PDB file of all heavy atoms in Angstrom:
ATOM      1  N   SER A   1       0.808  -1.223   0.000  1.00  0.00           N
ATOM      2  CA  SER A   1       0.001   0.000   0.001  1.00  0.00           C
ATOM      3  C   SER A   1       0.836   1.264  -0.001  1.00  0.00           C
ATOM      4  O   SER A   1       0.362   2.336  -0.388  1.00  0.00           O
ATOM      5  CB  SER A   1      -0.931   0.007   1.212  1.00  0.00           C
ATOM      6  OG  SER A   1      -0.178   0.011   2.420  1.00  0.00           O
ATOM      7  N   LEU A   2       2.089   1.153   0.455  1.00  0.00           N
ATOM      8  CA  LEU A   2       2.975   2.317   0.506  1.00  0.00           C
ATOM      9  C   LEU A   2       4.301   1.998  -0.171  1.00  0.00           C
ATOM     10  O   LEU A   2       4.854   0.908   0.014  1.00  0.00           O
ATOM     11  CB  LEU A   2       3.247   2.723   1.964  1.00  0.00           C
ATOM     12  CG  LEU A   2       2.066   3.284   2.769  1.00  0.00           C
ATOM     13  CD1 LEU A   2       2.449   3.418   4.231  1.00  0.00           C
ATOM     14  CD2 LEU A   2       1.617   4.623   2.209  1.00  0.00           C
ATOM     15  N   SER A   3       4.803   2.941  -0.944  1.00  0.00           N
ATOM     16  CA  SER A   3       6.108   2.771  -1.575  1.00  0.00           C
ATOM     17  C   SER A   3       7.050   3.867  -1.099  1.00  0.00           C
ATOM     18  O   SER A   3       6.663   5.030  -0.956  1.00  0.00           O
ATOM     19  CB  SER A   3       5.980   2.822  -3.104  1.00  0.00           C
ATOM     20  OG  SER A   3       5.410   4.046  -3.525  1.00  0.00           O
ATOM     21  N   ARG A   4       8.290   3.475  -0.856  1.00  0.00           N
ATOM     22  CA  ARG A   4       9.286   4.409  -0.337  1.00  0.00           C
ATOM     23  C   ARG A   4       9.803   5.306  -1.465  1.00  0.00           C
ATOM     24  O   ARG A   4      10.181   4.816  -2.536  1.00  0.00           O
ATOM     25  CB  ARG A   4      10.424   3.609   0.286  1.00  0.00           C
ATOM     26  CG  ARG A   4      11.489   4.425   0.990  1.00  0.00           C
ATOM     27  CD  ARG A   4      12.405   3.485   1.763  1.00  0.00           C
ATOM     28  NE  ARG A   4      13.487   4.192   2.394  1.00  0.00           N
ATOM     29  CZ  ARG A   4      14.310   3.665   3.295  1.00  0.00           C
ATOM     30  NH1 ARG A   4      14.136   2.398   3.651  1.00  0.00           N
ATOM     31  NH2 ARG A   4      15.279   4.374   3.826  1.00  0.00           N
ATOM     32  N   LEU A   5       9.834   6.620  -1.221  1.00  0.00           N
ATOM     33  CA  LEU A   5      10.279   7.574  -2.231  1.00  0.00           C
ATOM     34  C   LEU A   5      11.740   7.963  -2.026  1.00  0.00           C
ATOM     35  O   LEU A   5      12.245   7.990  -0.903  1.00  0.00           O
ATOM     36  CB  LEU A   5       9.426   8.854  -2.169  1.00  0.00           C
ATOM     37  CG  LEU A   5       7.919   8.717  -2.436  1.00  0.00           C
ATOM     38  CD1 LEU A   5       7.255  10.084  -2.320  1.00  0.00           C
ATOM     39  CD2 LEU A   5       7.656   8.102  -3.801  1.00  0.00           C
ATOM     40  N   SER A   6      12.406   8.283  -3.117  1.00  0.00           N
ATOM     41  CA  SER A   6      13.739   8.890  -3.016  1.00  0.00           C
ATOM     42  C   SER A   6      13.537  10.369  -2.713  1.00  0.00           C
ATOM     43  O   SER A   6      12.498  10.954  -3.092  1.00  0.00           O
ATOM     44  CB  SER A   6      14.498   8.711  -4.327  1.00  0.00           C
ATOM     45  OG  SER A   6      13.834   9.399  -5.380  1.00  0.00           O
ATOM     46  N   PRO A   7      14.474  11.021  -2.037  1.00  0.00           N
ATOM     47  CA  PRO A   7      14.304  12.439  -1.683  1.00  0.00           C
ATOM     48  C   PRO A   7      13.970  13.334  -2.869  1.00  0.00           C
ATOM     49  O   PRO A   7      13.231  14.311  -2.723  1.00  0.00           O
ATOM     50  CB  PRO A   7      15.650  12.803  -1.062  1.00  0.00           C
ATOM     51  CG  PRO A   7      16.136  11.513  -0.471  1.00  0.00           C
ATOM     52  CD  PRO A   7      15.712  10.451  -1.446  1.00  0.00           C
ATOM     53  N   GLY A   8      14.456  12.983  -4.046  1.00  0.00           N
ATOM     54  CA  GLY A   8      14.168  13.790  -5.223  1.00  0.00           C
ATOM     55  C   GLY A   8      12.712  13.731  -5.651  1.00  0.00           C
ATOM     56  O   GLY A   8      12.249  14.584  -6.419  1.00  0.00           O
ATOM     57  N   ASP A   9      11.975  12.722  -5.150  1.00  0.00           N
ATOM     58  CA  ASP A   9      10.572  12.569  -5.509  1.00  0.00           C
ATOM     59  C   ASP A   9       9.625  13.020  -4.397  1.00  0.00           C
ATOM     60  O   ASP A   9       8.407  12.843  -4.508  1.00  0.00           O
ATOM     61  CB  ASP A   9      10.277  11.102  -5.851  1.00  0.00           C
ATOM     62  CG  ASP A   9      10.975  10.662  -7.122  1.00  0.00           C
ATOM     63  OD1 ASP A   9      11.120  11.493  -8.031  1.00  0.00           O
ATOM     64  OD2 ASP A   9      11.390   9.481  -7.192  1.00  0.00           O
ATOM     65  N   TYR A  10      10.176  13.609  -3.336  1.00  0.00           N
ATOM     66  CA  TYR A  10       9.318  14.076  -2.252  1.00  0.00           C
ATOM     67  C   TYR A  10       8.384  15.176  -2.766  1.00  0.00           C
ATOM     68  O   TYR A  10       8.754  15.977  -3.625  1.00  0.00           O
ATOM     69  CB  TYR A  10      10.163  14.651  -1.108  1.00  0.00           C
ATOM     70  CG  TYR A  10      10.834  13.620  -0.222  1.00  0.00           C
ATOM     71  CD1 TYR A  10      10.858  12.267  -0.564  1.00  0.00           C
ATOM     72  CD2 TYR A  10      11.459  13.996   0.959  1.00  0.00           C
ATOM     73  CE1 TYR A  10      11.485  11.331   0.244  1.00  0.00           C
ATOM     74  CE2 TYR A  10      12.098  13.070   1.777  1.00  0.00           C
ATOM     75  CZ  TYR A  10      12.107  11.745   1.415  1.00  0.00           C
ATOM     76  OH  TYR A  10      12.736  10.814   2.219  1.00  0.00           O
ATOM     77  N   PRO A  11       7.163  15.240  -2.240  1.00  0.00           N
ATOM     78  CA  PRO A  11       6.248  16.320  -2.648  1.00  0.00           C
ATOM     79  C   PRO A  11       6.676  17.647  -2.032  1.00  0.00           C
ATOM     80  O   PRO A  11       7.584  17.703  -1.189  1.00  0.00           O
ATOM     81  CB  PRO A  11       4.911  15.865  -2.072  1.00  0.00           C
ATOM     82  CG  PRO A  11       5.292  15.092  -0.853  1.00  0.00           C
ATOM     83  CD  PRO A  11       6.556  14.347  -1.239  1.00  0.00           C
ATOM     84  N   ASP A  12       6.030  18.704  -2.413  1.00  0.00           N
ATOM     85  CA  ASP A  12       6.270  20.020  -1.842  1.00  0.00           C
ATOM     86  C   ASP A  12       5.467  20.117  -0.549  1.00  0.00           C
ATOM     87  O   ASP A  12       4.240  20.147  -0.575  1.00  0.00           O
ATOM     88  CB  ASP A  12       5.826  21.104  -2.828  1.00  0.00           C
ATOM     89  CG  ASP A  12       6.101  22.510  -2.310  1.00  0.00           C
ATOM     90  OD1 ASP A  12       6.922  22.657  -1.383  1.00  0.00           O
ATOM     91  OD2 ASP A  12       5.482  23.465  -2.826  1.00  0.00           O
ATOM     92  N   PHE A  13       6.141  20.133   0.588  1.00  0.00           N
ATOM     93  CA  PHE A  13       5.474  20.119   1.883  1.00  0.00           C
ATOM     94  C   PHE A  13       5.059  21.540   2.272  1.00  0.00           C
ATOM     95  O   PHE A  13       5.838  22.304   2.825  1.00  0.00           O
ATOM     96  CB  PHE A  13       6.369  19.487   2.948  1.00  0.00           C
ATOM     97  CG  PHE A  13       6.579  18.016   2.748  1.00  0.00           C
ATOM     98  CD1 PHE A  13       7.748  17.537   2.167  1.00  0.00           C
ATOM     99  CD2 PHE A  13       5.599  17.110   3.116  1.00  0.00           C
ATOM    100  CE1 PHE A  13       7.937  16.176   1.961  1.00  0.00           C
ATOM    101  CE2 PHE A  13       5.775  15.744   2.921  1.00  0.00           C
ATOM    102  CZ  PHE A  13       6.947  15.273   2.335  1.00  0.00           C
ATOM    103  N   ARG A  14       3.826  21.853   1.947  1.00  0.00           N
ATOM    104  CA  ARG A  14       3.266  23.176   2.253  1.00  0.00           C
ATOM    105  C   ARG A  14       1.963  22.979   3.024  1.00  0.00           C
ATOM    106  O   ARG A  14       1.088  22.225   2.593  1.00  0.00           O
ATOM    107  CB  ARG A  14       3.005  23.934   0.960  1.00  0.00           C
ATOM    108  CG  ARG A  14       2.625  25.399   1.139  1.00  0.00           C
ATOM    109  CD  ARG A  14       2.301  26.031  -0.201  1.00  0.00           C
ATOM    110  NE  ARG A  14       3.442  26.035  -1.096  1.00  0.00           N
ATOM    111  CZ  ARG A  14       4.357  26.997  -1.150  1.00  0.00           C
ATOM    112  NH1 ARG A  14       4.248  28.040  -0.344  1.00  0.00           N
ATOM    113  NH2 ARG A  14       5.354  26.922  -2.004  1.00  0.00           N
ATOM    114  N   ASP A  15       1.827  23.627   4.173  1.00  0.00           N
ATOM    115  CA  ASP A  15       0.668  23.444   5.035  1.00  0.00           C
ATOM    116  C   ASP A  15      -0.250  24.658   4.958  1.00  0.00           C
ATOM    117  O   ASP A  15       0.130  25.755   5.350  1.00  0.00           O
ATOM    118  CB  ASP A  15       1.116  23.208   6.480  1.00  0.00           C
ATOM    119  CG  ASP A  15       0.014  22.672   7.361  1.00  0.00           C
ATOM    120  OD1 ASP A  15      -0.989  23.385   7.532  1.00  0.00           O
ATOM    121  OD2 ASP A  15       0.148  21.557   7.890  1.00  0.00           O
ATOM    122  N   ASP A  16      -1.477  24.454   4.465  1.00  0.00           N
ATOM    123  CA  ASP A  16      -2.383  25.584   4.251  1.00  0.00           C
ATOM    124  C   ASP A  16      -2.943  26.152   5.552  1.00  0.00           C
ATOM    125  O   ASP A  16      -3.518  27.239   5.569  1.00  0.00           O
ATOM    126  CB  ASP A  16      -3.537  25.169   3.330  1.00  0.00           C
ATOM    127  CG  ASP A  16      -4.530  24.240   4.008  1.00  0.00           C
ATOM    128  OD1 ASP A  16      -4.072  23.253   4.620  1.00  0.00           O
ATOM    129  OD2 ASP A  16      -5.738  24.492   3.915  1.00  0.00           O
ATOM    130  N   MET A  17      -2.796  25.418   6.665  1.00  0.00           N
ATOM    131  CA  MET A  17      -3.289  25.920   7.950  1.00  0.00           C
ATOM    132  C   MET A  17      -2.187  26.553   8.789  1.00  0.00           C
ATOM    133  O   MET A  17      -2.433  26.980   9.927  1.00  0.00           O
ATOM    134  CB  MET A  17      -3.931  24.771   8.745  1.00  0.00           C
ATOM    135  CG  MET A  17      -5.245  24.271   8.175  1.00  0.00           C
ATOM    136  SD  MET A  17      -5.979  22.911   9.149  1.00  0.00           S
ATOM    137  CE  MET A  17      -6.412  23.716  10.683  1.00  0.00           C
ATOM    138  N   ASN A  18      -0.988  26.631   8.227  1.00  0.00           N
ATOM    139  CA  ASN A  18       0.148  27.223   8.954  1.00  0.00           C
ATOM    140  C   ASN A  18       0.313  26.619  10.354  1.00  0.00           C
ATOM    141  O   ASN A  18       0.577  27.318  11.333  1.00  0.00           O
ATOM    142  CB  ASN A  18      -0.014  28.747   9.056  1.00  0.00           C
ATOM    143  CG  ASN A  18       0.071  29.410   7.696  1.00  0.00           C
ATOM    144  OD1 ASN A  18       0.897  29.033   6.853  1.00  0.00           O
ATOM    145  ND2 ASN A  18      -0.790  30.381   7.443  1.00  0.00           N
ATOM    146  N   PHE A  19       0.113  25.304  10.409  1.00  0.00           N
ATOM    147  CA  PHE A  19       0.340  24.497  11.606  1.00  0.00           C
ATOM    148  C   PHE A  19      -0.675  24.728  12.728  1.00  0.00           C
ATOM    149  O   PHE A  19      -0.488  24.250  13.839  1.00  0.00           O
ATOM    150  CB  PHE A  19       1.764  24.681  12.140  1.00  0.00           C
ATOM    151  CG  PHE A  19       2.806  24.470  11.088  1.00  0.00           C
ATOM    152  CD1 PHE A  19       3.597  25.523  10.649  1.00  0.00           C
ATOM    153  CD2 PHE A  19       2.983  23.237  10.489  1.00  0.00           C
ATOM    154  CE1 PHE A  19       4.546  25.334   9.650  1.00  0.00           C
ATOM    155  CE2 PHE A  19       3.924  23.043   9.492  1.00  0.00           C
ATOM    156  CZ  PHE A  19       4.711  24.096   9.067  1.00  0.00           C
ATOM    157  N   ALA A  20      -1.761  25.455  12.447  1.00  0.00           N
ATOM    158  CA  ALA A  20      -2.819  25.602  13.451  1.00  0.00           C
ATOM    159  C   ALA A  20      -3.394  24.231  13.784  1.00  0.00           C
ATOM    160  O   ALA A  20      -3.652  23.430  12.900  1.00  0.00           O
ATOM    161  CB  ALA A  20      -3.918  26.519  12.924  1.00  0.00           C
ATOM    162  N   GLN A  21      -3.572  23.964  15.064  1.00  0.00           N
ATOM    163  CA  GLN A  21      -4.168  22.736  15.614  1.00  0.00           C
ATOM    164  C   GLN A  21      -3.310  21.490  15.420  1.00  0.00           C
ATOM    165  O   GLN A  21      -3.709  20.403  15.833  1.00  0.00           O
ATOM    166  CB  GLN A  21      -5.564  22.494  15.019  1.00  0.00           C
ATOM    167  CG  GLN A  21      -6.590  23.553  15.397  1.00  0.00           C
ATOM    168  CD  GLN A  21      -7.964  23.259  14.834  1.00  0.00           C
ATOM    169  OE1 GLN A  21      -8.154  23.229  13.630  1.00  0.00           O
ATOM    170  NE2 GLN A  21      -8.926  23.032  15.707  1.00  0.00           N
ATOM    171  N   ILE A  22      -2.122  21.626  14.832  1.00  0.00           N
ATOM    172  CA  ILE A  22      -1.292  20.441  14.652  1.00  0.00           C
ATOM    173  C   ILE A  22      -0.762  19.945  16.005  1.00  0.00           C
ATOM    174  O   ILE A  22      -0.594  18.749  16.215  1.00  0.00           O
ATOM    175  CB  ILE A  22      -0.122  20.705  13.671  1.00  0.00           C
ATOM    176  CG1 ILE A  22       0.543  19.394  13.260  1.00  0.00           C
ATOM    177  CG2 ILE A  22       0.890  21.674  14.247  1.00  0.00           C
ATOM    178  CD1 ILE A  22      -0.311  18.473  12.440  1.00  0.00           C
ATOM    179  N   ALA A  23      -0.531  20.871  16.952  1.00  0.00           N
ATOM    180  CA  ALA A  23      -0.040  20.471  18.270  1.00  0.00           C
ATOM    181  C   ALA A  23      -1.074  19.615  18.991  1.00  0.00           C
ATOM    182  O   ALA A  23      -0.745  18.620  19.644  1.00  0.00           O
ATOM    183  CB  ALA A  23       0.313  21.700  19.102  1.00  0.00           C
ATOM    184  N   GLU A  24      -2.345  19.984  18.864  1.00  0.00           N
ATOM    185  CA  GLU A  24      -3.427  19.230  19.500  1.00  0.00           C
ATOM    186  C   GLU A  24      -3.497  17.812  18.948  1.00  0.00           C
ATOM    187  O   GLU A  24      -3.580  16.836  19.705  1.00  0.00           O
ATOM    188  CB  GLU A  24      -4.757  19.947  19.267  1.00  0.00           C
ATOM    189  CG  GLU A  24      -5.954  19.227  19.845  1.00  0.00           C
ATOM    190  CD  GLU A  24      -7.268  19.927  19.523  1.00  0.00           C
ATOM    191  OE1 GLU A  24      -7.235  21.084  19.064  1.00  0.00           O
ATOM    192  OE2 GLU A  24      -8.330  19.306  19.722  1.00  0.00           O
ATOM    193  N   SER A  25      -3.454  17.678  17.623  1.00  0.00           N
ATOM    194  CA  SER A  25      -3.525  16.363  17.006  1.00  0.00           C
ATOM    195  C   SER A  25      -2.288  15.535  17.339  1.00  0.00           C
ATOM    196  O   SER A  25      -2.375  14.321  17.542  1.00  0.00           O
ATOM    197  CB  SER A  25      -3.675  16.512  15.487  1.00  0.00           C
ATOM    198  OG  SER A  25      -3.954  15.273  14.890  1.00  0.00           O
ATOM    199  N   THR A  26      -1.138  16.186  17.385  1.00  0.00           N
ATOM    200  CA  THR A  26       0.106  15.496  17.739  1.00  0.00           C
ATOM    201  C   THR A  26       0.033  14.933  19.157  1.00  0.00           C
ATOM    202  O   THR A  26       0.429  13.784  19.412  1.00  0.00           O
ATOM    203  CB  THR A  26       1.300  16.447  17.614  1.00  0.00           C
ATOM    204  OG1 THR A  26       1.405  16.911  16.263  1.00  0.00           O
ATOM    205  CG2 THR A  26       2.603  15.746  17.993  1.00  0.00           C
ATOM    206  N   THR A  27      -0.471  15.734  20.075  1.00  0.00           N
ATOM    207  CA  THR A  27      -0.600  15.299  21.467  1.00  0.00           C
ATOM    208  C   THR A  27      -1.493  14.065  21.583  1.00  0.00           C
ATOM    209  O   THR A  27      -1.172  13.117  22.317  1.00  0.00           O
ATOM    210  CB  THR A  27      -1.173  16.434  22.336  1.00  0.00           C
ATOM    211  OG1 THR A  27      -0.265  17.533  22.311  1.00  0.00           O
ATOM    212  CG2 THR A  27      -1.370  15.976  23.774  1.00  0.00           C
ATOM    213  N   LYS A  28      -2.583  14.048  20.839  1.00  0.00           N
ATOM    214  CA  LYS A  28      -3.494  12.908  20.889  1.00  0.00           C
ATOM    215  C   LYS A  28      -2.838  11.652  20.316  1.00  0.00           C
ATOM    216  O   LYS A  28      -3.044  10.545  20.829  1.00  0.00           O
ATOM    217  CB  LYS A  28      -4.769  13.226  20.126  1.00  0.00           C
ATOM    218  CG  LYS A  28      -5.569  14.379  20.712  1.00  0.00           C
ATOM    219  CD  LYS A  28      -5.923  14.146  22.166  1.00  0.00           C
ATOM    220  CE  LYS A  28      -6.713  15.293  22.755  1.00  0.00           C
ATOM    221  NZ  LYS A  28      -6.965  15.100  24.221  1.00  0.00           N
ATOM    222  N   THR A  29      -2.050  11.821  19.257  1.00  0.00           N
ATOM    223  CA  THR A  29      -1.342  10.675  18.689  1.00  0.00           C
ATOM    224  C   THR A  29      -0.336  10.120  19.696  1.00  0.00           C
ATOM    225  O   THR A  29      -0.214   8.899  19.871  1.00  0.00           O
ATOM    226  CB  THR A  29      -0.636  11.076  17.388  1.00  0.00           C
ATOM    227  OG1 THR A  29      -1.623  11.350  16.389  1.00  0.00           O
ATOM    228  CG2 THR A  29       0.271   9.977  16.881  1.00  0.00           C
ATOM    229  N   LEU A  30       0.373  11.001  20.378  1.00  0.00           N
ATOM    230  CA  LEU A  30       1.340  10.549  21.382  1.00  0.00           C
ATOM    231  C   LEU A  30       0.632   9.884  22.563  1.00  0.00           C
ATOM    232  O   LEU A  30       1.171   8.938  23.158  1.00  0.00           O
ATOM    233  CB  LEU A  30       2.184  11.729  21.866  1.00  0.00           C
ATOM    234  CG  LEU A  30       3.259  12.193  20.883  1.00  0.00           C
ATOM    235  CD1 LEU A  30       3.936  13.475  21.384  1.00  0.00           C
ATOM    236  CD2 LEU A  30       4.320  11.107  20.667  1.00  0.00           C
ATOM    237  N   ASP A  31      -0.551  10.363  22.909  1.00  0.00           N
ATOM    238  CA  ASP A  31      -1.322   9.712  23.980  1.00  0.00           C
ATOM    239  C   ASP A  31      -1.541   8.237  23.642  1.00  0.00           C
ATOM    240  O   ASP A  31      -1.434   7.367  24.511  1.00  0.00           O
ATOM    241  CB  ASP A  31      -2.680  10.404  24.152  1.00  0.00           C
ATOM    242  CG  ASP A  31      -2.566  11.758  24.839  1.00  0.00           C
ATOM    243  OD1 ASP A  31      -1.495  12.042  25.405  1.00  0.00           O
ATOM    244  OD2 ASP A  31      -3.546  12.518  24.786  1.00  0.00           O
ATOM    245  N   TYR A  32      -1.868   7.977  22.379  1.00  0.00           N
ATOM    246  CA  TYR A  32      -2.075   6.598  21.946  1.00  0.00           C
ATOM    247  C   TYR A  32      -0.760   5.822  21.932  1.00  0.00           C
ATOM    248  O   TYR A  32      -0.673   4.712  22.484  1.00  0.00           O
ATOM    249  CB  TYR A  32      -2.702   6.575  20.557  1.00  0.00           C
ATOM    250  CG  TYR A  32      -2.658   5.226  19.891  1.00  0.00           C
ATOM    251  CD1 TYR A  32      -3.506   4.199  20.294  1.00  0.00           C
ATOM    252  CD2 TYR A  32      -1.750   4.962  18.867  1.00  0.00           C
ATOM    253  CE1 TYR A  32      -3.456   2.944  19.694  1.00  0.00           C
ATOM    254  CE2 TYR A  32      -1.700   3.717  18.254  1.00  0.00           C
ATOM    255  CZ  TYR A  32      -2.548   2.713  18.674  1.00  0.00           C
ATOM    256  OH  TYR A  32      -2.480   1.473  18.077  1.00  0.00           O
ATOM    257  N   LEU A  33       0.273   6.377  21.308  1.00  0.00           N
ATOM    258  CA  LEU A  33       1.545   5.668  21.170  1.00  0.00           C
ATOM    259  C   LEU A  33       2.206   5.392  22.508  1.00  0.00           C
ATOM    260  O   LEU A  33       2.904   4.381  22.673  1.00  0.00           O
ATOM    261  CB  LEU A  33       2.491   6.456  20.275  1.00  0.00           C
ATOM    262  CG  LEU A  33       2.107   6.543  18.795  1.00  0.00           C
ATOM    263  CD1 LEU A  33       3.031   7.502  18.050  1.00  0.00           C
ATOM    264  CD2 LEU A  33       2.137   5.170  18.140  1.00  0.00           C
ATOM    265  N   ASN A  34       1.967   6.256  23.487  1.00  0.00           N
ATOM    266  CA  ASN A  34       2.572   6.065  24.808  1.00  0.00           C
ATOM    267  C   ASN A  34       1.884   4.980  25.612  1.00  0.00           C
ATOM    268  O   ASN A  34       2.425   4.493  26.605  1.00  0.00           O
ATOM    269  CB  ASN A  34       2.541   7.378  25.597  1.00  0.00           C
ATOM    270  CG  ASN A  34       3.552   8.392  25.077  1.00  0.00           C
ATOM    271  OD1 ASN A  34       4.570   8.026  24.515  1.00  0.00           O
ATOM    272  ND2 ASN A  34       3.255   9.669  25.257  1.00  0.00           N
TER     273      ASN A  34
END
């Protein structure tokens, strides 16, 4: 389902929300992983 990319094929990492609410979602993911 997933294929590993070479760095030259990476997409353009641009976030349209300017990282708003990413900290909240990150915290919830860590809650699960921990």
